[in-house]
PDB file of N, CA and C in Angstrom:
ATOM      1  N   MET A   1      52.847 143.385  93.445  1.00  0.00           N
ATOM      2  CA  MET A   1      52.271 142.697  93.966  1.00  0.00           C
ATOM      3  C   MET A   1      53.244 141.589  94.833  1.00  0.00           C
ATOM      4  N   THR A   2      52.508 140.850  95.667  1.00  0.00           N
ATOM      5  CA  THR A   2      53.241 139.967  96.690  1.00  0.00           C
ATOM      6  C   THR A   2      52.086 138.774  96.790  1.00  0.00           C
ATOM      7  N   LEU A   3      51.968 137.691  96.332  1.00  0.00           N
ATOM      8  CA  LEU A   3      51.446 136.754  96.233  1.00  0.00           C
ATOM      9  C   LEU A   3      51.582 136.183  97.821  1.00  0.00           C
ATOM     10  N   ILE A   4      50.074 135.626  97.964  1.00  0.00           N
ATOM     11  CA  ILE A   4      50.696 134.390  99.556  1.00  0.00           C
ATOM     12  C   ILE A   4      49.508 133.946  99.187  1.00  0.00           C
ATOM     13  N   PHE A   5      49.729 132.510  99.568  1.00  0.00           N
ATOM     14  CA  PHE A   5      48.793 131.365  99.273  1.00  0.00           C
ATOM     15  C   PHE A   5      48.039 130.358 100.459  1.00  0.00           C
ATOM     16  N   LYS A   6      46.905 129.717 100.172  1.00  0.00           N
ATOM     17  CA  LYS A   6      46.640 129.082 100.853  1.00  0.00           C
ATOM     18  C   LYS A   6      46.268 128.140 100.136  1.00  0.00           C
ATOM     19  N   ILE A   7      46.691 127.000 101.619  1.00  0.00           N
ATOM     20  CA  ILE A   7      45.941 125.299 100.905  1.00  0.00           C
ATOM     21  C   ILE A   7      44.798 125.434 101.580  1.00  0.00           C
ATOM     22  N   VAL A   8      44.243 125.156 101.056  1.00  0.00           N
ATOM     23  CA  VAL A   8      42.624 124.508 101.837  1.00  0.00           C
ATOM     24  C   VAL A   8      41.576 123.220 100.821  1.00  0.00           C
ATOM     25  N   PRO A   9      41.312 122.561 101.683  1.00  0.00           N
ATOM     26  CA  PRO A   9      40.298 121.405 100.916  1.00  0.00           C
ATOM     27  C   PRO A   9      39.417 121.309 100.102  1.00  0.00           C
ATOM     28  N   LEU A  10      39.124 121.104  99.250  1.00  0.00           N
ATOM     29  CA  LEU A  10      38.237 121.526  97.880  1.00  0.00           C
ATOM     30  C   LEU A  10      37.069 121.827  98.423  1.00  0.00           C
ATOM     31  N   SER A  11      36.473 121.054  99.408  1.00  0.00           N
ATOM     32  CA  SER A  11      34.831 121.206  99.738  1.00  0.00           C
ATOM     33  C   SER A  11      34.867 122.279 100.644  1.00  0.00           C
ATOM     34  N   LEU A  12      35.751 122.443 101.444  1.00  0.00           N
ATOM     35  CA  LEU A  12      35.439 123.800 102.689  1.00  0.00           C
ATOM     36  C   LEU A  12      35.599 124.888 101.381  1.00  0.00           C
ATOM     37  N   TRP A  13      36.799 124.860 100.277  1.00  0.00           N
ATOM     38  CA  TRP A  13      36.644 126.182  99.790  1.00  0.00           C
ATOM     39  C   TRP A  13      35.496 126.561  98.978  1.00  0.00           C
ATOM     40  N   ARG A  14      34.579 125.311  98.734  1.00  0.00           N
ATOM     41  CA  ARG A  14      33.328 125.388  97.671  1.00  0.00           C
ATOM     42  C   ARG A  14      32.327 125.698  98.792  1.00  0.00           C
ATOM     43  N   GLU A  15      32.408 125.638  99.752  1.00  0.00           N
ATOM     44  CA  GLU A  15      31.429 125.917 100.878  1.00  0.00           C
ATOM     45  C   GLU A  15      31.699 127.661 101.351  1.00  0.00           C
ATOM     46  N   ALA A  16      33.149 127.830 100.930  1.00  0.00           N
ATOM     47  CA  ALA A  16      33.020 129.497 101.216  1.00  0.00           C
ATOM     48  C   ALA A  16      32.595 130.341 100.029  1.00  0.00           C
ATOM     49  N   THR A  17      33.312 129.676  98.992  1.00  0.00           N
ATOM     50  CA  THR A  17      32.387 130.392  97.753  1.00  0.00           C
ATOM     51  C   THR A  17      31.028 130.712  97.413  1.00  0.00           C
ATOM     52  N   GLU A  18      30.062 129.217  97.706  1.00  0.00           N
ATOM     53  CA  GLU A  18      28.656 129.784  97.653  1.00  0.00           C
ATOM     54  C   GLU A  18      28.508 130.340  99.208  1.00  0.00           C
ATOM     55  N   ALA A  19      28.645 130.462 100.052  1.00  0.00           N
ATOM     56  CA  ALA A  19      28.653 131.713 101.457  1.00  0.00           C
ATOM     57  C   ALA A  19      28.947 133.034 101.247  1.00  0.00           C
ATOM     58  N   GLY A  20      29.946 132.948 100.213  1.00  0.00           N
ATOM     59  CA  GLY A  20      30.915 134.148  99.984  1.00  0.00           C
ATOM     60  C   GLY A  20      32.114 135.132 101.341  1.00  0.00           C
ATOM     61  N   VAL A  21      31.835 134.091 101.999  1.00  0.00           N
ATOM     62  CA  VAL A  21      33.247 134.324 102.655  1.00  0.00           C
ATOM     63  C   VAL A  21      33.677 133.089 103.425  1.00  0.00           C
ATOM     64  N   PHE A  22      34.968 133.283 103.504  1.00  0.00           N
ATOM     65  CA  PHE A  22      36.223 132.292 103.920  1.00  0.00           C
ATOM     66  C   PHE A  22      36.638 132.495 105.373  1.00  0.00           C
ATOM     67  N   LYS A  23      36.093 131.996 106.086  1.00  0.00           N
ATOM     68  CA  LYS A  23      36.748 132.078 107.539  1.00  0.00           C
ATOM     69  C   LYS A  23      37.484 131.289 108.342  1.00  0.00           C
ATOM     70  N   GLY A  24      37.934 130.468 107.669  1.00  0.00           N
ATOM     71  CA  GLY A  24      38.872 129.662 107.781  1.00  0.00           C
ATOM     72  C   GLY A  24      38.864 127.855 107.797  1.00  0.00           C
ATOM     73  N   ALA A  25      39.740 127.368 108.003  1.00  0.00           N
ATOM     74  CA  ALA A  25      40.221 126.183 108.284  1.00  0.00           C
ATOM     75  C   ALA A  25      40.053 126.001 109.806  1.00  0.00           C
ATOM     76  N   PRO A  26      39.601 124.603 110.159  1.00  0.00           N
ATOM     77  CA  PRO A  26      39.587 124.490 111.820  1.00  0.00           C
ATOM     78  C   PRO A  26      40.784 124.932 112.308  1.00  0.00           C
ATOM     79  N   VAL A  27      42.106 124.980 111.759  1.00  0.00           N
ATOM     80  CA  VAL A  27      43.149 125.100 112.438  1.00  0.00           C
ATOM     81  C   VAL A  27      43.253 127.140 112.437  1.00  0.00           C
ATOM     82  N   ASP A  28      42.757 127.459 111.609  1.00  0.00           N
ATOM     83  CA  ASP A  28      42.587 129.210 111.526  1.00  0.00           C
ATOM     84  C   ASP A  28      41.700 129.279 112.325  1.00  0.00           C
ATOM     85  N   LEU A  29      40.221 128.790 112.787  1.00  0.00           N
ATOM     86  CA  LEU A  29      39.371 129.311 113.751  1.00  0.00           C
ATOM     87  C   LEU A  29      40.242 129.074 114.991  1.00  0.00           C
ATOM     88  N   ALA A  30      40.628 127.907 115.253  1.00  0.00           N
ATOM     89  CA  ALA A  30      40.963 127.599 116.511  1.00  0.00           C
ATOM     90  C   ALA A  30      42.173 128.321 116.743  1.00  0.00           C
ATOM     91  N   ASP A  31      43.147 129.189 115.895  1.00  0.00           N
ATOM     92  CA  ASP A  31      44.302 130.119 116.319  1.00  0.00           C
ATOM     93  C   ASP A  31      43.748 131.734 116.398  1.00  0.00           C
ATOM     94  N   GLY A  32      42.582 132.022 115.262  1.00  0.00           N
ATOM     95  CA  GLY A  32      41.943 133.000 115.388  1.00  0.00           C
ATOM     96  C   GLY A  32      42.691 133.981 114.691  1.00  0.00           C
ATOM     97  N   TYR A  33      43.288 133.255 113.272  1.00  0.00           N
ATOM     98  CA  TYR A  33      43.368 134.316 112.445  1.00  0.00           C
ATOM     99  C   TYR A  33      43.920 133.350 111.176  1.00  0.00           C
ATOM    100  N   ILE A  34      43.753 133.719 109.727  1.00  0.00           N
ATOM    101  CA  ILE A  34      43.795 132.719 108.671  1.00  0.00           C
ATOM    102  C   ILE A  34      45.228 132.754 108.076  1.00  0.00           C
ATOM    103  N   HIS A  35      45.832 131.766 108.396  1.00  0.00           N
ATOM    104  CA  HIS A  35      47.468 131.023 107.782  1.00  0.00           C
ATOM    105  C   HIS A  35      47.352 131.296 106.291  1.00  0.00           C
ATOM    106  N   PHE A  36      48.514 131.883 106.195  1.00  0.00           N
ATOM    107  CA  PHE A  36      49.076 132.024 104.545  1.00  0.00           C
ATOM    108  C   PHE A  36      50.417 131.661 104.325  1.00  0.00           C
ATOM    109  N   SER A  37      51.101 131.230 103.652  1.00  0.00           N
ATOM    110  CA  SER A  37      52.361 131.141 103.310  1.00  0.00           C
ATOM    111  C   SER A  37      52.678 131.966 102.175  1.00  0.00           C
ATOM    112  N   THR A  38      54.227 132.587 102.019  1.00  0.00           N
ATOM    113  CA  THR A  38      54.612 132.755 100.705  1.00  0.00           C
ATOM    114  C   THR A  38      55.281 131.795 100.242  1.00  0.00           C
ATOM    115  N   ALA A  39      55.521 132.196  98.509  1.00  0.00           N
ATOM    116  CA  ALA A  39      55.990 131.220  97.471  1.00  0.00           C
ATOM    117  C   ALA A  39      57.200 129.960  97.976  1.00  0.00           C
ATOM    118  N   ASP A  40      57.884 130.950  98.905  1.00  0.00           N
ATOM    119  CA  ASP A  40      58.961 130.247  99.688  1.00  0.00           C
ATOM    120  C   ASP A  40      58.737 129.049 100.548  1.00  0.00           C
ATOM    121  N   GLN A  41      57.245 129.283 101.312  1.00  0.00           N
ATOM    122  CA  GLN A  41      57.372 128.845 102.618  1.00  0.00           C
ATOM    123  C   GLN A  41      56.411 127.695 102.039  1.00  0.00           C
ATOM    124  N   VAL A  42      55.250 127.636 100.743  1.00  0.00           N
ATOM    125  CA  VAL A  42      54.388 126.956 100.665  1.00  0.00           C
ATOM    126  C   VAL A  42      54.870 125.518 100.746  1.00  0.00           C
ATOM    127  N   ARG A  43      55.686 125.179  99.988  1.00  0.00           N
ATOM    128  CA  ARG A  43      55.765 123.326  99.322  1.00  0.00           C
ATOM    129  C   ARG A  43      56.475 123.071 100.908  1.00  0.00           C
ATOM    130  N   GLU A  44      57.089 123.737 101.981  1.00  0.00           N
ATOM    131  CA  GLU A  44      57.138 123.176 103.765  1.00  0.00           C
ATOM    132  C   GLU A  44      55.834 122.829 104.202  1.00  0.00           C
ATOM    133  N   THR A  45      54.800 124.024 104.055  1.00  0.00           N
ATOM    134  CA  THR A  45      53.682 123.925 104.514  1.00  0.00           C
ATOM    135  C   THR A  45      52.380 122.552 103.925  1.00  0.00           C
ATOM    136  N   ALA A  46      52.816 122.018 102.991  1.00  0.00           N
ATOM    137  CA  ALA A  46      52.257 121.759 102.159  1.00  0.00           C
ATOM    138  C   ALA A  46      52.914 119.806 102.868  1.00  0.00           C
ATOM    139  N   ALA A  47      54.197 119.916 103.064  1.00  0.00           N
ATOM    140  CA  ALA A  47      54.792 118.680 103.727  1.00  0.00           C
ATOM    141  C   ALA A  47      54.352 118.593 104.896  1.00  0.00           C
ATOM    142  N   LYS A  48      54.555 119.271 105.717  1.00  0.00           N
ATOM    143  CA  LYS A  48      54.210 119.598 107.243  1.00  0.00           C
ATOM    144  C   LYS A  48      52.876 119.383 107.733  1.00  0.00           C
ATOM    145  N   HIS A  49      51.793 120.483 106.782  1.00  0.00           N
ATOM    146  CA  HIS A  49      50.943 120.457 107.507  1.00  0.00           C
ATOM    147  C   HIS A  49      49.378 119.620 106.734  1.00  0.00           C
ATOM    148  N   PHE A  50      49.921 119.151 105.375  1.00  0.00           N
ATOM    149  CA  PHE A  50      49.011 118.277 104.876  1.00  0.00           C
ATOM    150  C   PHE A  50      49.675 117.009 103.962  1.00  0.00           C
ATOM    151  N   ALA A  51      50.842 116.531 104.243  1.00  0.00           N
ATOM    152  CA  ALA A  51      51.293 115.265 103.706  1.00  0.00           C
ATOM    153  C   ALA A  51      50.287 113.949 103.412  1.00  0.00           C
ATOM    154  N   GLY A  52      50.250 113.705 102.342  1.00  0.00           N
ATOM    155  CA  GLY A  52      49.393 112.310 101.695  1.00  0.00           C
ATOM    156  C   GLY A  52      47.817 113.024 101.328  1.00  0.00           C
ATOM    157  N   GLN A  53      47.727 114.024 101.704  1.00  0.00           N
ATOM    158  CA  GLN A  53      45.730 114.544 101.702  1.00  0.00           C
ATOM    159  C   GLN A  53      45.336 114.840 100.207  1.00  0.00           C
ATOM    160  N   ALA A  54      44.778 114.654  99.530  1.00  0.00           N
ATOM    161  CA  ALA A  54      44.181 114.722  98.279  1.00  0.00           C
ATOM    162  C   ALA A  54      43.377 116.099  98.053  1.00  0.00           C
ATOM    163  N   ASP A  55      42.548 116.345  96.912  1.00  0.00           N
ATOM    164  CA  ASP A  55      41.276 116.745  97.111  1.00  0.00           C
ATOM    165  C   ASP A  55      41.215 118.559  97.729  1.00  0.00           C
ATOM    166  N   LEU A  56      42.734 119.071  97.651  1.00  0.00           N
ATOM    167  CA  LEU A  56      43.070 120.186  98.273  1.00  0.00           C
ATOM    168  C   LEU A  56      43.633 121.305  96.896  1.00  0.00           C
ATOM    169  N   LEU A  57      42.984 122.640  96.853  1.00  0.00           N
ATOM    170  CA  LEU A  57      43.463 123.636  96.190  1.00  0.00           C
ATOM    171  C   LEU A  57      44.715 124.434  96.630  1.00  0.00           C
ATOM    172  N   LEU A  58      45.181 125.430  95.910  1.00  0.00           N
ATOM    173  CA  LEU A  58      46.224 126.155  96.213  1.00  0.00           C
ATOM    174  C   LEU A  58      45.565 127.721  95.527  1.00  0.00           C
ATOM    175  N   VAL A  59      45.013 128.522  97.076  1.00  0.00           N
ATOM    176  CA  VAL A  59      44.335 129.786  96.196  1.00  0.00           C
ATOM    177  C   VAL A  59      45.454 130.487  96.489  1.00  0.00           C
ATOM    178  N   ALA A  60      45.925 131.682  95.578  1.00  0.00           N
ATOM    179  CA  ALA A  60      46.824 132.497  95.663  1.00  0.00           C
ATOM    180  C   ALA A  60      45.899 134.127  95.717  1.00  0.00           C
ATOM    181  N   LEU A  61      46.932 134.540  96.732  1.00  0.00           N
ATOM    182  CA  LEU A  61      45.813 136.187  96.830  1.00  0.00           C
ATOM    183  C   LEU A  61      46.967 137.270  96.944  1.00  0.00           C
ATOM    184  N   GLU A  62      46.375 138.597  96.991  1.00  0.00           N
ATOM    185  CA  GLU A  62      47.444 139.870  96.670  1.00  0.00           C
ATOM    186  C   GLU A  62      47.732 140.230  98.187  1.00  0.00           C
ATOM    187  N   ALA A  63      48.573 139.941  98.814  1.00  0.00           N
ATOM    188  CA  ALA A  63      48.764 140.307 100.142  1.00  0.00           C
ATOM    189  C   ALA A  63      48.492 142.219 100.386  1.00  0.00           C
ATOM    190  N   GLU A  64      49.182 142.909  99.787  1.00  0.00           N
ATOM    191  CA  GLU A  64      48.713 144.585  99.830  1.00  0.00           C
ATOM    192  C   GLU A  64      47.396 144.695  99.885  1.00  0.00           C
ATOM    193  N   GLY A  65      46.623 143.624  99.254  1.00  0.00           N
ATOM    194  CA  GLY A  65      44.841 143.857  99.472  1.00  0.00           C
ATOM    195  C   GLY A  65      44.161 144.086 100.994  1.00  0.00           C
ATOM    196  N   PHE A  66      44.787 143.434 101.634  1.00  0.00           N
ATOM    197  CA  PHE A  66      44.267 143.079 103.114  1.00  0.00           C
ATOM    198  C   PHE A  66      44.349 143.876 103.970  1.00  0.00           C
ATOM    199  N   GLY A  67      45.765 145.253 103.567  1.00  0.00           N
ATOM    200  CA  GLY A  67      45.753 146.116 104.679  1.00  0.00           C
ATOM    201  C   GLY A  67      46.162 145.830 105.921  1.00  0.00           C
ATOM    202  N   ASP A  68      45.735 146.461 106.541  1.00  0.00           N
ATOM    203  CA  ASP A  68      46.298 146.107 108.303  1.00  0.00           C
ATOM    204  C   ASP A  68      45.757 144.829 109.033  1.00  0.00           C
ATOM    205  N   CYS A  69      45.056 144.685 108.144  1.00  0.00           N
ATOM    206  CA  CYS A  69      44.504 143.004 108.689  1.00  0.00           C
ATOM    207  C   CYS A  69      45.379 141.721 108.702  1.00  0.00           C
ATOM    208  N   LEU A  70      46.756 142.118 107.655  1.00  0.00           N
ATOM    209  CA  LEU A  70      47.561 140.840 107.200  1.00  0.00           C
ATOM    210  C   LEU A  70      48.407 141.402 107.971  1.00  0.00           C
ATOM    211  N   LYS A  71      49.095 140.462 109.443  1.00  0.00           N
ATOM    212  CA  LYS A  71      49.942 140.460 110.221  1.00  0.00           C
ATOM    213  C   LYS A  71      50.979 139.898 109.696  1.00  0.00           C
ATOM    214  N   TRP A  72      52.521 139.680 109.402  1.00  0.00           N
ATOM    215  CA  TRP A  72      53.554 139.229 109.512  1.00  0.00           C
ATOM    216  C   TRP A  72      54.261 138.837 110.583  1.00  0.00           C
ATOM    217  N   GLU A  73      53.947 137.387 111.016  1.00  0.00           N
ATOM    218  CA  GLU A  73      54.287 137.042 112.512  1.00  0.00           C
ATOM    219  C   GLU A  73      55.330 135.733 112.101  1.00  0.00           C
ATOM    220  N   PRO A  74      56.106 135.795 113.203  1.00  0.00           N
ATOM    221  CA  PRO A  74      57.358 134.827 113.569  1.00  0.00           C
ATOM    222  C   PRO A  74      56.421 132.873 113.197  1.00  0.00           C
ATOM    223  N   SER A  75      57.245 132.820 112.911  1.00  0.00           N
ATOM    224  CA  SER A  75      56.660 131.085 113.418  1.00  0.00           C
ATOM    225  C   SER A  75      57.710 130.167 113.019  1.00  0.00           C
ATOM    226  N   ARG A  76      57.724 128.873 112.131  1.00  0.00           N
ATOM    227  CA  ARG A  76      58.917 127.804 112.027  1.00  0.00           C
ATOM    228  C   ARG A  76      60.044 128.693 111.815  1.00  0.00           C
ATOM    229  N   GLY A  77      60.731 128.486 112.743  1.00  0.00           N
ATOM    230  CA  GLY A  77      62.179 128.662 112.631  1.00  0.00           C
ATOM    231  C   GLY A  77      62.847 130.286 112.825  1.00  0.00           C
ATOM    232  N   GLY A  78      61.516 131.218 112.931  1.00  0.00           N
ATOM    233  CA  GLY A  78      61.402 132.348 113.374  1.00  0.00           C
ATOM    234  C   GLY A  78      61.023 133.199 111.785  1.00  0.00           C
ATOM    235  N   ALA A  79      61.016 132.036 110.719  1.00  0.00           N
ATOM    236  CA  ALA A  79      60.641 133.162 109.164  1.00  0.00           C
ATOM    237  C   ALA A  79      58.918 133.779 109.318  1.00  0.00           C
ATOM    238  N   LEU A  80      59.061 134.579 109.087  1.00  0.00           N
ATOM    239  CA  LEU A  80      57.772 135.715 109.285  1.00  0.00           C
ATOM    240  C   LEU A  80      56.843 134.874 108.463  1.00  0.00           C
ATOM    241  N   PHE A  81      55.468 135.194 108.570  1.00  0.00           N
ATOM    242  CA  PHE A  81      54.424 134.015 107.999  1.00  0.00           C
ATOM    243  C   PHE A  81      53.511 135.061 108.122  1.00  0.00           C
ATOM    244  N   PRO A  82      52.839 134.991 106.784  1.00  0.00           N
ATOM    245  CA  PRO A  82      51.598 136.312 106.646  1.00  0.00           C
ATOM    246  C   PRO A  82      50.341 135.361 107.778  1.00  0.00           C
ATOM    247  N   HIS A  83      49.550 136.284 108.174  1.00  0.00           N
ATOM    248  CA  HIS A  83      48.415 135.879 109.286  1.00  0.00           C
ATOM    249  C   HIS A  83      47.101 136.704 108.789  1.00  0.00           C
ATOM    250  N   LEU A  84      46.035 136.017 108.591  1.00  0.00           N
ATOM    251  CA  LEU A  84      44.974 137.475 108.050  1.00  0.00           C
ATOM    252  C   LEU A  84      43.977 137.066 109.606  1.00  0.00           C
ATOM    253  N   TYR A  85      43.929 138.402 110.067  1.00  0.00           N
ATOM    254  CA  TYR A  85      43.287 138.667 111.032  1.00  0.00           C
ATOM    255  C   TYR A  85      41.515 139.356 110.712  1.00  0.00           C
ATOM    256  N   ALA A  86      41.091 138.973 109.615  1.00  0.00           N
ATOM    257  CA  ALA A  86      39.414 138.725 108.853  1.00  0.00           C
ATOM    258  C   ALA A  86      39.109 137.675 108.362  1.00  0.00           C
ATOM    259  N   ASP A  87      38.046 137.930 107.813  1.00  0.00           N
ATOM    260  CA  ASP A  87      37.240 136.974 106.935  1.00  0.00           C
ATOM    261  C   ASP A  87      37.783 137.360 105.894  1.00  0.00           C
ATOM    262  N   LEU A  88      37.746 136.275 105.052  1.00  0.00           N
ATOM    263  CA  LEU A  88      38.283 136.436 103.533  1.00  0.00           C
ATOM    264  C   LEU A  88      37.215 136.461 102.547  1.00  0.00           C
ATOM    265  N   ASP A  89      37.032 137.336 101.544  1.00  0.00           N
ATOM    266  CA  ASP A  89      36.039 136.846 100.289  1.00  0.00           C
ATOM    267  C   ASP A  89      37.042 135.824  99.374  1.00  0.00           C
ATOM    268  N   PRO A  90      36.142 135.230  98.830  1.00  0.00           N
ATOM    269  CA  PRO A  90      36.747 134.331  98.319  1.00  0.00           C
ATOM    270  C   PRO A  90      36.770 134.974  96.873  1.00  0.00           C
ATOM    271  N   ALA A  91      35.901 136.066  96.829  1.00  0.00           N
ATOM    272  CA  ALA A  91      36.104 136.309  95.067  1.00  0.00           C
ATOM    273  C   ALA A  91      37.324 137.267  94.881  1.00  0.00           C
ATOM    274  N   SER A  92      38.344 137.699  96.335  1.00  0.00           N
ATOM    275  CA  SER A  92      39.391 138.257  96.023  1.00  0.00           C
ATOM    276  C   SER A  92      40.587 137.344  95.614  1.00  0.00           C
ATOM    277  N   ALA A  93      40.572 135.839  95.863  1.00  0.00           N
ATOM    278  CA  ALA A  93      41.393 135.476  95.105  1.00  0.00           C
ATOM    279  C   ALA A  93      41.682 135.610  93.425  1.00  0.00           C
ATOM    280  N   ILE A  94      43.329 135.558  93.403  1.00  0.00           N
ATOM    281  CA  ILE A  94      43.861 135.862  92.066  1.00  0.00           C
ATOM    282  C   ILE A  94      43.812 134.818  91.147  1.00  0.00           C
ATOM    283  N   TRP A  95      43.821 133.395  91.673  1.00  0.00           N
ATOM    284  CA  TRP A  95      43.646 132.673  91.198  1.00  0.00           C
ATOM    285  C   TRP A  95      43.334 131.293  91.631  1.00  0.00           C
ATOM    286  N   VAL A  96      42.923 130.540  91.561  1.00  0.00           N
ATOM    287  CA  VAL A  96      42.326 128.762  92.280  1.00  0.00           C
ATOM    288  C   VAL A  96      42.790 127.733  91.633  1.00  0.00           C
ATOM    289  N   LYS A  97      44.149 126.582  91.790  1.00  0.00           N
ATOM    290  CA  LYS A  97      44.497 125.907  91.261  1.00  0.00           C
ATOM    291  C   LYS A  97      44.545 124.407  91.785  1.00  0.00           C
ATOM    292  N   ASP A  98      44.138 123.514  91.459  1.00  0.00           N
ATOM    293  CA  ASP A  98      44.242 122.130  91.979  1.00  0.00           C
ATOM    294  C   ASP A  98      45.923 121.932  92.473  1.00  0.00           C
ATOM    295  N   LEU A  99      45.742 121.344  93.865  1.00  0.00           N
ATOM    296  CA  LEU A  99      46.972 120.967  94.492  1.00  0.00           C
ATOM    297  C   LEU A  99      46.764 119.486  94.565  1.00  0.00           C
ATOM    298  N   PRO A 100      47.154 118.588  93.354  1.00  0.00           N
ATOM    299  CA  PRO A 100      46.896 117.262  93.674  1.00  0.00           C
ATOM    300  C   PRO A 100      48.321 116.139  93.838  1.00  0.00           C
ATOM    301  N   LEU A 101      48.291 115.368  94.221  1.00  0.00           N
ATOM    302  CA  LEU A 101      49.125 114.608  94.812  1.00  0.00           C
ATOM    303  C   LEU A 101      49.763 113.578  93.435  1.00  0.00           C
ATOM    304  N   GLY A 102      51.352 113.816  94.053  1.00  0.00           N
ATOM    305  CA  GLY A 102      52.073 113.185  92.444  1.00  0.00           C
ATOM    306  C   GLY A 102      52.369 111.406  93.118  1.00  0.00           C
ATOM    307  N   ALA A 103      52.760 110.559  91.969  1.00  0.00           N
ATOM    308  CA  ALA A 103      52.667 109.272  92.414  1.00  0.00           C
ATOM    309  C   ALA A 103      54.034 108.732  93.646  1.00  0.00           C
ATOM    310  N   ASP A 104      54.673 109.840  94.170  1.00  0.00           N
ATOM    311  CA  ASP A 104      55.602 109.856  95.095  1.00  0.00           C
ATOM    312  C   ASP A 104      54.377 110.239  96.314  1.00  0.00           C
ATOM    313  N   GLY A 105      53.429 110.876  96.477  1.00  0.00           N
ATOM    314  CA  GLY A 105      52.644 111.029  97.642  1.00  0.00           C
ATOM    315  C   GLY A 105      52.674 112.164  97.970  1.00  0.00           C
ATOM    316  N   SER A 106      53.903 113.264  97.432  1.00  0.00           N
ATOM    317  CA  SER A 106      54.138 114.650  97.858  1.00  0.00           C
ATOM    318  C   SER A 106      53.094 115.309  96.595  1.00  0.00           C
ATOM    319  N   HIS A 107      52.674 117.006  97.303  1.00  0.00           N
ATOM    320  CA  HIS A 107      51.973 117.455  95.923  1.00  0.00           C
ATOM    321  C   HIS A 107      52.737 117.899  94.995  1.00  0.00           C
ATOM    322  N   VAL A 108      51.719 118.093  93.893  1.00  0.00           N
ATOM    323  CA  VAL A 108      52.105 118.285  92.677  1.00  0.00           C
ATOM    324  C   VAL A 108      51.971 119.908  92.129  1.00  0.00           C
ATOM    325  N   PHE A 109      53.087 120.962  92.731  1.00  0.00           N
ATOM    326  CA  PHE A 109      52.830 122.571  92.475  1.00  0.00           C
ATOM    327  C   PHE A 109      52.325 123.106  91.047  1.00  0.00           C
ATOM    328  N   PRO A 110      51.352 123.830  91.260  1.00  0.00           N
ATOM    329  CA  PRO A 110      51.207 124.624  89.688  1.00  0.00           C
ATOM    330  C   PRO A 110      52.474 125.489  89.662  1.00  0.00           C
ATOM    331  N   GLU A 111      52.334 126.550  88.560  1.00  0.00           N
ATOM    332  CA  GLU A 111      53.476 127.732  88.794  1.00  0.00           C
ATOM    333  C   GLU A 111      52.862 128.610  89.888  1.00  0.00           C
ATOM    334  N   LEU A 112      53.380 129.553  90.375  1.00  0.00           N
ATOM    335  CA  LEU A 112      53.205 130.100  91.225  1.00  0.00           C
ATOM    336  C   LEU A 112      52.793 131.688  91.174  1.00  0.00           C
ATOM    337  N   ALA A 113      53.391 131.948  89.762  1.00  0.00           N
ATOM    338  CA  ALA A 113      53.256 133.456  89.500  1.00  0.00           C
ATOM    339  C   ALA A 113      52.062 133.919  89.025  1.00  0.00           C
ATOM    340  N   PRO A 114      51.714 134.844  89.195  1.00  0.00           N
ATOM    341  CA  PRO A 114      50.177 135.300  89.139  1.00  0.00           C
ATOM    342  C   PRO A 114      49.751 134.640  87.108  1.00  0.00           C
TER     343      PRO A 114
END
């Protein structure tokens, strides 16, 4: 099983779970797909795109569960990032954990294993 991760504001994930569908954050909607990161990429993603932001969640999902809707495409420095070209059922999350800010202002990550 390959876990992929989505960093999402708590309020946005709460709305998605109530609606039964996550269509993406504003950047996802603008780009036409839902951005994910691998375990090796997610800390850099947090630092680059979510610096100093509180009230975030880290959502873990199984990459294989998305079939052909998940594409691995080059992004930063040519690294392949998982992009979902479909809506996401929040119930498909393996787990959802808080992504708090530490005393130094960087995010404190939970264990990324299933």
